[in-house]
Structure formats: C-alpha cells, structure tokens
Amino acid sequence: MPPANEKEYNGNLFDQLEIVERIEEVAQEEKAEKVLKACQREKEWINRKLYQKPPLTEDR
C-alpha cells in the first residue's frame, strides 16, 4: 500500500535510514568494509529520495 501523503512517505524513509544506520554500527564494530560501503550507498539513495525537489507526493 503506497503512503497516503508526503509525511507518511518521509516517515518510511526515515525508518529505512534508521535501519541502515543500525546495520552500519555493527559493520563498524566488525570492520566489515563491504557492508559499510553498501550502507553508505543505501543512505545516499534514501537521502536522495528524502530531500528531492520537487517532492514525490503532494499533500492534499
């Protein structure tokens, strides 16, 4: 089910970002370079969606 509005969509993106950051913490402790690189890419993709102009959705 797609998000109802931009606020909900952004909330989903922030949730995704939080999950990636938690994985990143463990990867740093384990010195897992490949995982750290993958986390960085995921964070870039999420941030690109989160801060794009114009927004993906419009509040109605």
PDB file of N, CA and C in Angstrom:
ATOM      1  N   MET A   1       0.851  -1.178   0.000  1.00  0.00           N
ATOM      2  CA  MET A   1       0.000   0.000   0.000  1.00  0.00           C
ATOM      3  C   MET A   1       0.898   1.243   0.000  1.00  0.00           C
ATOM      4  N   PRO A   2       0.716   2.121  -0.966  1.00  0.00           N
ATOM      5  CA  PRO A   2       1.550   3.327  -1.021  1.00  0.00           C
ATOM      6  C   PRO A   2       1.214   4.279   0.124  1.00  0.00           C
ATOM      7  N   PRO A   3       2.178   5.140   0.467  1.00  0.00           N
ATOM      8  CA  PRO A   3       1.918   6.099   1.538  1.00  0.00           C
ATOM      9  C   PRO A   3       0.792   7.056   1.158  1.00  0.00           C
ATOM     10  N   ALA A   4       0.046   7.488   2.172  1.00  0.00           N
ATOM     11  CA  ALA A   4      -1.107   8.356   1.938  1.00  0.00           C
ATOM     12  C   ALA A   4      -0.698   9.786   1.607  1.00  0.00           C
ATOM     13  N   ASN A   5       0.444  10.212   2.147  1.00  0.00           N
ATOM     14  CA  ASN A   5       0.879  11.595   1.906  1.00  0.00           C
ATOM     15  C   ASN A   5       2.397  11.682   2.070  1.00  0.00           C
ATOM     16  N   GLU A   6       2.923  12.846   1.823  1.00  0.00           N
ATOM     17  CA  GLU A   6       4.380  13.033   1.881  1.00  0.00           C
ATOM     18  C   GLU A   6       4.936  12.801   3.284  1.00  0.00           C
ATOM     19  N   LYS A   7       4.196  13.193   4.305  1.00  0.00           N
ATOM     20  CA  LYS A   7       4.667  12.999   5.678  1.00  0.00           C
ATOM     21  C   LYS A   7       4.838  11.508   5.975  1.00  0.00           C
ATOM     22  N   GLU A   8       3.879  10.701   5.553  1.00  0.00           N
ATOM     23  CA  GLU A   8       3.966   9.256   5.759  1.00  0.00           C
ATOM     24  C   GLU A   8       5.131   8.666   4.956  1.00  0.00           C
ATOM     25  N   TYR A   9       5.287   9.126   3.725  1.00  0.00           N
ATOM     26  CA  TYR A   9       6.385   8.660   2.866  1.00  0.00           C
ATOM     27  C   TYR A   9       7.730   8.990   3.509  1.00  0.00           C
ATOM     28  N   ASN A  10       7.883  10.214   3.992  1.00  0.00           N
ATOM     29  CA  ASN A  10       9.125  10.618   4.650  1.00  0.00           C
ATOM     30  C   ASN A  10       9.366   9.797   5.914  1.00  0.00           C
ATOM     31  N   GLY A  11       8.316   9.495   6.644  1.00  0.00           N
ATOM     32  CA  GLY A  11       8.442   8.657   7.828  1.00  0.00           C
ATOM     33  C   GLY A  11       8.983   7.283   7.472  1.00  0.00           C
ATOM     34  N   ASN A  12       8.502   6.725   6.360  1.00  0.00           N
ATOM     35  CA  ASN A  12       9.006   5.436   5.893  1.00  0.00           C
ATOM     36  C   ASN A  12      10.484   5.522   5.531  1.00  0.00           C
ATOM     37  N   LEU A  13      10.874   6.604   4.876  1.00  0.00           N
ATOM     38  CA  LEU A  13      12.279   6.785   4.505  1.00  0.00           C
ATOM     39  C   LEU A  13      13.166   6.941   5.739  1.00  0.00           C
ATOM     40  N   PHE A  14      12.689   7.689   6.734  1.00  0.00           N
ATOM     41  CA  PHE A  14      13.467   7.832   7.970  1.00  0.00           C
ATOM     42  C   PHE A  14      13.605   6.489   8.680  1.00  0.00           C
ATOM     43  N   ASP A  15      12.560   5.660   8.639  1.00  0.00           N
ATOM     44  CA  ASP A  15      12.642   4.318   9.223  1.00  0.00           C
ATOM     45  C   ASP A  15      13.707   3.488   8.504  1.00  0.00           C
ATOM     46  N   GLN A  16      13.725   3.568   7.176  1.00  0.00           N
ATOM     47  CA  GLN A  16      14.738   2.845   6.405  1.00  0.00           C
ATOM     48  C   GLN A  16      16.140   3.331   6.763  1.00  0.00           C
ATOM     49  N   LEU A  17      16.287   4.636   6.875  1.00  0.00           N
ATOM     50  CA  LEU A  17      17.575   5.225   7.217  1.00  0.00           C
ATOM     51  C   LEU A  17      18.050   4.746   8.586  1.00  0.00           C
ATOM     52  N   GLU A  18      17.142   4.666   9.534  1.00  0.00           N
ATOM     53  CA  GLU A  18      17.486   4.198  10.878  1.00  0.00           C
ATOM     54  C   GLU A  18      17.966   2.747  10.850  1.00  0.00           C
ATOM     55  N   ILE A  19      17.305   1.906  10.065  1.00  0.00           N
ATOM     56  CA  ILE A  19      17.711   0.503   9.959  1.00  0.00           C
ATOM     57  C   ILE A  19      19.116   0.405   9.364  1.00  0.00           C
ATOM     58  N   VAL A  20      19.376   1.158   8.317  1.00  0.00           N
ATOM     59  CA  VAL A  20      20.702   1.135   7.696  1.00  0.00           C
ATOM     60  C   VAL A  20      21.757   1.612   8.685  1.00  0.00           C
ATOM     61  N   GLU A  21      21.448   2.632   9.465  1.00  0.00           N
ATOM     62  CA  GLU A  21      22.406   3.141  10.441  1.00  0.00           C
ATOM     63  C   GLU A  21      22.696   2.110  11.535  1.00  0.00           C
ATOM     64  N   ARG A  22      21.704   1.323  11.923  1.00  0.00           N
ATOM     65  CA  ARG A  22      21.931   0.267  12.920  1.00  0.00           C
ATOM     66  C   ARG A  22      22.849  -0.817  12.359  1.00  0.00           C
ATOM     67  N   ILE A  23      22.623  -1.190  11.102  1.00  0.00           N
ATOM     68  CA  ILE A  23      23.484  -2.174  10.447  1.00  0.00           C
ATOM     69  C   ILE A  23      24.901  -1.623  10.347  1.00  0.00           C
ATOM     70  N   GLU A  24      24.986  -0.337  10.011  1.00  0.00           N
ATOM     71  CA  GLU A  24      26.289   0.316   9.876  1.00  0.00           C
ATOM     72  C   GLU A  24      27.081   0.284  11.191  1.00  0.00           C
ATOM     73  N   GLU A  25      26.410   0.462  12.312  1.00  0.00           N
ATOM     74  CA  GLU A  25      27.079   0.413  13.616  1.00  0.00           C
ATOM     75  C   GLU A  25      27.754  -0.936  13.837  1.00  0.00           C
ATOM     76  N   VAL A  26      27.044  -2.003  13.539  1.00  0.00           N
ATOM     77  CA  VAL A  26      27.603  -3.344  13.705  1.00  0.00           C
ATOM     78  C   VAL A  26      28.749  -3.558  12.722  1.00  0.00           C
ATOM     79  N   ALA A  27      28.568  -3.101  11.497  1.00  0.00           N
ATOM     80  CA  ALA A  27      29.621  -3.254  10.492  1.00  0.00           C
ATOM     81  C   ALA A  27      30.895  -2.521  10.906  1.00  0.00           C
ATOM     82  N   GLN A  28      30.760  -1.362  11.545  1.00  0.00           N
ATOM     83  CA  GLN A  28      31.930  -0.628  12.028  1.00  0.00           C
ATOM     84  C   GLN A  28      32.631  -1.413  13.129  1.00  0.00           C
ATOM     85  N   GLU A  29      31.870  -1.987  14.036  1.00  0.00           N
ATOM     86  CA  GLU A  29      32.457  -2.788  15.115  1.00  0.00           C
ATOM     87  C   GLU A  29      33.200  -4.005  14.561  1.00  0.00           C
ATOM     88  N   GLU A  30      32.653  -4.596  13.512  1.00  0.00           N
ATOM     89  CA  GLU A  30      33.235  -5.803  12.914  1.00  0.00           C
ATOM     90  C   GLU A  30      34.252  -5.486  11.818  1.00  0.00           C
ATOM     91  N   LYS A  31      34.413  -4.196  11.517  1.00  0.00           N
ATOM     92  CA  LYS A  31      35.309  -3.756  10.442  1.00  0.00           C
ATOM     93  C   LYS A  31      34.969  -4.435   9.106  1.00  0.00           C
ATOM     94  N   ALA A  32      33.695  -4.491   8.816  1.00  0.00           N
ATOM     95  CA  ALA A  32      33.178  -5.107   7.584  1.00  0.00           C
ATOM     96  C   ALA A  32      33.082  -4.038   6.496  1.00  0.00           C
ATOM     97  N   GLU A  33      34.162  -3.843   5.776  1.00  0.00           N
ATOM     98  CA  GLU A  33      34.255  -2.760   4.795  1.00  0.00           C
ATOM     99  C   GLU A  33      33.212  -2.858   3.685  1.00  0.00           C
ATOM    100  N   LYS A  34      32.951  -4.056   3.196  1.00  0.00           N
ATOM    101  CA  LYS A  34      31.960  -4.203   2.112  1.00  0.00           C
ATOM    102  C   LYS A  34      30.571  -3.796   2.600  1.00  0.00           C
ATOM    103  N   VAL A  35      30.249  -4.167   3.818  1.00  0.00           N
ATOM    104  CA  VAL A  35      28.949  -3.805   4.379  1.00  0.00           C
ATOM    105  C   VAL A  35      28.880  -2.298   4.601  1.00  0.00           C
ATOM    106  N   LEU A  36      29.961  -1.702   5.073  1.00  0.00           N
ATOM    107  CA  LEU A  36      29.990  -0.246   5.272  1.00  0.00           C
ATOM    108  C   LEU A  36      29.774   0.492   3.952  1.00  0.00           C
ATOM    109  N   LYS A  37      30.405   0.013   2.887  1.00  0.00           N
ATOM    110  CA  LYS A  37      30.210   0.641   1.567  1.00  0.00           C
ATOM    111  C   LYS A  37      28.767   0.500   1.101  1.00  0.00           C
ATOM    112  N   ALA A  38      28.197  -0.685   1.314  1.00  0.00           N
ATOM    113  CA  ALA A  38      26.797  -0.902   0.921  1.00  0.00           C
ATOM    114  C   ALA A  38      25.865   0.004   1.726  1.00  0.00           C
ATOM    115  N   CYS A  39      26.138   0.159   3.019  1.00  0.00           N
ATOM    116  CA  CYS A  39      25.325   1.041   3.866  1.00  0.00           C
ATOM    117  C   CYS A  39      25.419   2.480   3.380  1.00  0.00           C
ATOM    118  N   GLN A  40      26.616   2.903   3.005  1.00  0.00           N
ATOM    119  CA  GLN A  40      26.788   4.273   2.522  1.00  0.00           C
ATOM    120  C   GLN A  40      25.969   4.516   1.262  1.00  0.00           C
ATOM    121  N   ARG A  41      25.997   3.536   0.339  1.00  0.00           N
ATOM    122  CA  ARG A  41      25.191   3.662  -0.888  1.00  0.00           C
ATOM    123  C   ARG A  41      23.705   3.727  -0.562  1.00  0.00           C
ATOM    124  N   GLU A  42      23.243   2.861   0.332  1.00  0.00           N
ATOM    125  CA  GLU A  42      21.828   2.867   0.712  1.00  0.00           C
ATOM    126  C   GLU A  42      21.429   4.213   1.318  1.00  0.00           C
ATOM    127  N   LYS A  43      22.269   4.735   2.190  1.00  0.00           N
ATOM    128  CA  LYS A  43      21.969   6.031   2.811  1.00  0.00           C
ATOM    129  C   LYS A  43      21.901   7.137   1.763  1.00  0.00           C
ATOM    130  N   GLU A  44      22.788   7.100   0.777  1.00  0.00           N
ATOM    131  CA  GLU A  44      22.749   8.098  -0.295  1.00  0.00           C
ATOM    132  C   GLU A  44      21.451   8.007  -1.081  1.00  0.00           C
ATOM    133  N   TRP A  45      21.027   6.782  -1.404  1.00  0.00           N
ATOM    134  CA  TRP A  45      19.784   6.599  -2.164  1.00  0.00           C
ATOM    135  C   TRP A  45      18.573   7.059  -1.365  1.00  0.00           C
ATOM    136  N   ILE A  46      18.548   6.729  -0.083  1.00  0.00           N
ATOM    137  CA  ILE A  46      17.427   7.144   0.773  1.00  0.00           C
ATOM    138  C   ILE A  46      17.402   8.665   0.892  1.00  0.00           C
ATOM    139  N   ASN A  47      18.556   9.280   1.134  1.00  0.00           N
ATOM    140  CA  ASN A  47      18.605  10.735   1.259  1.00  0.00           C
ATOM    141  C   ASN A  47      18.221  11.433  -0.037  1.00  0.00           C
ATOM    142  N   ARG A  48      18.582  10.846  -1.170  1.00  0.00           N
ATOM    143  CA  ARG A  48      18.207  11.432  -2.458  1.00  0.00           C
ATOM    144  C   ARG A  48      16.690  11.492  -2.584  1.00  0.00           C
ATOM    145  N   LYS A  49      16.015  10.421  -2.166  1.00  0.00           N
ATOM    146  CA  LYS A  49      14.546  10.406  -2.206  1.00  0.00           C
ATOM    147  C   LYS A  49      13.961  11.353  -1.167  1.00  0.00           C
ATOM    148  N   LEU A  50      14.575  11.383   0.010  1.00  0.00           N
ATOM    149  CA  LEU A  50      14.048  12.168   1.118  1.00  0.00           C
ATOM    150  C   LEU A  50      14.110  13.661   0.840  1.00  0.00           C
ATOM    151  N   TYR A  51      15.169  14.105   0.198  1.00  0.00           N
ATOM    152  CA  TYR A  51      15.380  15.546   0.010  1.00  0.00           C
ATOM    153  C   TYR A  51      15.249  15.994  -1.433  1.00  0.00           C
ATOM    154  N   GLN A  52      14.580  15.203  -2.273  1.00  0.00           N
ATOM    155  CA  GLN A  52      14.457  15.596  -3.671  1.00  0.00           C
ATOM    156  C   GLN A  52      13.519  16.787  -3.840  1.00  0.00           C
ATOM    157  N   LYS A  53      13.754  17.516  -4.877  1.00  0.00           N
ATOM    158  CA  LYS A  53      12.910  18.654  -5.245  1.00  0.00           C
ATOM    159  C   LYS A  53      12.449  18.459  -6.673  1.00  0.00           C
ATOM    160  N   PRO A  54      11.206  18.600  -6.978  1.00  0.00           N
ATOM    161  CA  PRO A  54      10.072  18.733  -6.067  1.00  0.00           C
ATOM    162  C   PRO A  54       9.790  17.407  -5.375  1.00  0.00           C
ATOM    163  N   PRO A  55       9.042  17.445  -4.274  1.00  0.00           N
ATOM    164  CA  PRO A  55       8.718  16.215  -3.544  1.00  0.00           C
ATOM    165  C   PRO A  55       7.987  15.213  -4.431  1.00  0.00           C
ATOM    166  N   LEU A  56       8.070  13.940  -4.085  1.00  0.00           N
ATOM    167  CA  LEU A  56       7.376  12.898  -4.850  1.00  0.00           C
ATOM    168  C   LEU A  56       5.872  13.006  -4.762  1.00  0.00           C
ATOM    169  N   THR A  57       5.383  13.370  -3.603  1.00  0.00           N
ATOM    170  CA  THR A  57       3.936  13.418  -3.403  1.00  0.00           C
ATOM    171  C   THR A  57       3.519  14.828  -3.005  1.00  0.00           C
ATOM    172  N   GLU A  58       2.242  15.067  -3.129  1.00  0.00           N
ATOM    173  CA  GLU A  58       1.695  16.358  -2.714  1.00  0.00           C
ATOM    174  C   GLU A  58       0.674  16.119  -1.620  1.00  0.00           C
ATOM    175  N   ASP A  59       0.726  16.927  -0.563  1.00  0.00           N
ATOM    176  CA  ASP A  59      -0.307  16.837   0.476  1.00  0.00           C
ATOM    177  C   ASP A  59      -1.604  17.395  -0.088  1.00  0.00           C
ATOM    178  N   ARG A  60      -2.659  16.724   0.206  1.00  0.00           N
ATOM    179  CA  ARG A  60      -3.955  17.186  -0.333  1.00  0.00           C
ATOM    180  C   ARG A  60      -4.884  17.523   0.775  1.00  0.00           C
TER     181      ARG A  60
END
